[in-house]
Amino acid sequence: MECHGVKFAPGVMRAVRCFGNHYADEGTPAEFDLFVREDGSLAHDGQTYRRQEGGRLCP
């Protein structure tokens, strides 16, 4: 997912427009629960996302 015009507030990420993985996706405004943990990982919808070393994608 690619988002533009992003603003963070405690526990919330808002974006003017987010795009999915489809070439015809015109994007839509979006709001997500998103928490940045002390170790730098992100938490969203019960999942934890961490930056991977060596260019691997986040789990």
C-alpha atoms as a PDB file:
ATOM      1  CA  MET A   1       0.000   0.000   0.000  1.00  0.00           C
ATOM      2  CA  GLU A   2       1.236   3.483  -0.866  1.00  0.00           C
ATOM      3  CA  CYS A   3      -0.215   6.504   0.917  1.00  0.00           C
ATOM      4  CA  HIS A   4       0.173  10.229   0.243  1.00  0.00           C
ATOM      5  CA  GLY A   5      -0.529  13.221   2.472  1.00  0.00           C
ATOM      6  CA  VAL A   6      -0.055  11.211   5.659  1.00  0.00           C
ATOM      7  CA  LYS A   7      -0.502  12.679   9.140  1.00  0.00           C
ATOM      8  CA  PHE A   8       0.073  10.830  12.396  1.00  0.00           C
ATOM      9  CA  ALA A   9      -1.749  11.399  15.661  1.00  0.00           C
ATOM     10  CA  PRO A  10      -1.427   9.133  18.709  1.00  0.00           C
ATOM     11  CA  GLY A  11      -2.832   5.790  17.562  1.00  0.00           C
ATOM     12  CA  VAL A  12      -4.126   7.022  14.195  1.00  0.00           C
ATOM     13  CA  MET A  13      -2.712   7.498  10.716  1.00  0.00           C
ATOM     14  CA  ARG A  14      -4.723   9.560   8.233  1.00  0.00           C
ATOM     15  CA  ALA A  15      -3.897   9.831   4.552  1.00  0.00           C
ATOM     16  CA  VAL A  16      -5.293  12.063   1.832  1.00  0.00           C
ATOM     17  CA  ARG A  17      -5.019   9.142  -0.614  1.00  0.00           C
ATOM     18  CA  CYS A  18      -3.864   5.515  -0.409  1.00  0.00           C
ATOM     19  CA  PHE A  19      -3.307   3.158  -3.319  1.00  0.00           C
ATOM     20  CA  GLY A  20      -3.477  -0.639  -3.312  1.00  0.00           C
ATOM     21  CA  ASN A  21      -1.641  -3.127  -5.515  1.00  0.00           C
ATOM     22  CA  HIS A  22      -3.959  -2.879  -8.524  1.00  0.00           C
ATOM     23  CA  TYR A  23      -2.851  -0.809 -11.530  1.00  0.00           C
ATOM     24  CA  ALA A  24      -6.359   0.675 -11.921  1.00  0.00           C
ATOM     25  CA  ASP A  25      -6.602   1.745  -8.262  1.00  0.00           C
ATOM     26  CA  GLU A  26      -7.349   5.477  -8.210  1.00  0.00           C
ATOM     27  CA  GLY A  27      -6.763   5.709  -4.466  1.00  0.00           C
ATOM     28  CA  THR A  28      -9.049   6.737  -1.642  1.00  0.00           C
ATOM     29  CA  PRO A  29      -8.751   8.682   1.612  1.00  0.00           C
ATOM     30  CA  ALA A  30      -7.858   6.394   4.503  1.00  0.00           C
ATOM     31  CA  GLU A  31      -7.683   6.263   8.293  1.00  0.00           C
ATOM     32  CA  PHE A  32      -5.981   3.437  10.189  1.00  0.00           C
ATOM     33  CA  ASP A  33      -5.191   2.537  13.761  1.00  0.00           C
ATOM     34  CA  LEU A  34      -1.403   2.616  13.915  1.00  0.00           C
ATOM     35  CA  PHE A  35       0.861   2.577  16.929  1.00  0.00           C
ATOM     36  CA  VAL A  36       4.627   3.103  16.962  1.00  0.00           C
ATOM     37  CA  ARG A  37       6.177   1.020  19.720  1.00  0.00           C
ATOM     38  CA  GLU A  38       9.278   1.927  21.734  1.00  0.00           C
ATOM     39  CA  ASP A  39      11.413  -0.495  19.672  1.00  0.00           C
ATOM     40  CA  GLY A  40      10.326   1.249  16.441  1.00  0.00           C
ATOM     41  CA  SER A  41       7.992  -1.517  15.282  1.00  0.00           C
ATOM     42  CA  LEU A  42       4.484  -0.681  14.088  1.00  0.00           C
ATOM     43  CA  ALA A  43       1.284  -2.240  15.415  1.00  0.00           C
ATOM     44  CA  HIS A  44      -1.901  -2.344  13.314  1.00  0.00           C
ATOM     45  CA  ASP A  45      -5.014  -4.474  13.655  1.00  0.00           C
ATOM     46  CA  GLY A  46      -3.388  -6.936  16.064  1.00  0.00           C
ATOM     47  CA  GLN A  47      -0.253  -7.412  13.920  1.00  0.00           C
ATOM     48  CA  THR A  48       3.306  -6.194  14.496  1.00  0.00           C
ATOM     49  CA  TYR A  49       5.478  -4.984  11.621  1.00  0.00           C
ATOM     50  CA  ARG A  50       9.247  -4.613  11.890  1.00  0.00           C
ATOM     51  CA  ARG A  51      11.858  -3.409   9.443  1.00  0.00           C
ATOM     52  CA  GLN A  52      13.841  -6.355   8.129  1.00  0.00           C
ATOM     53  CA  GLU A  53      17.574  -6.175   7.465  1.00  0.00           C
ATOM     54  CA  GLY A  54      18.961  -6.964   4.031  1.00  0.00           C
ATOM     55  CA  GLY A  55      16.085  -5.562   1.957  1.00  0.00           C
ATOM     56  CA  ARG A  56      13.497  -8.170   2.976  1.00  0.00           C
ATOM     57  CA  LEU A  57       9.850  -7.100   3.178  1.00  0.00           C
ATOM     58  CA  CYS A  58       8.071  -6.583   6.485  1.00  0.00           C
ATOM     59  CA  PRO A  59       6.211  -9.651   7.780  1.00  0.00           C
END
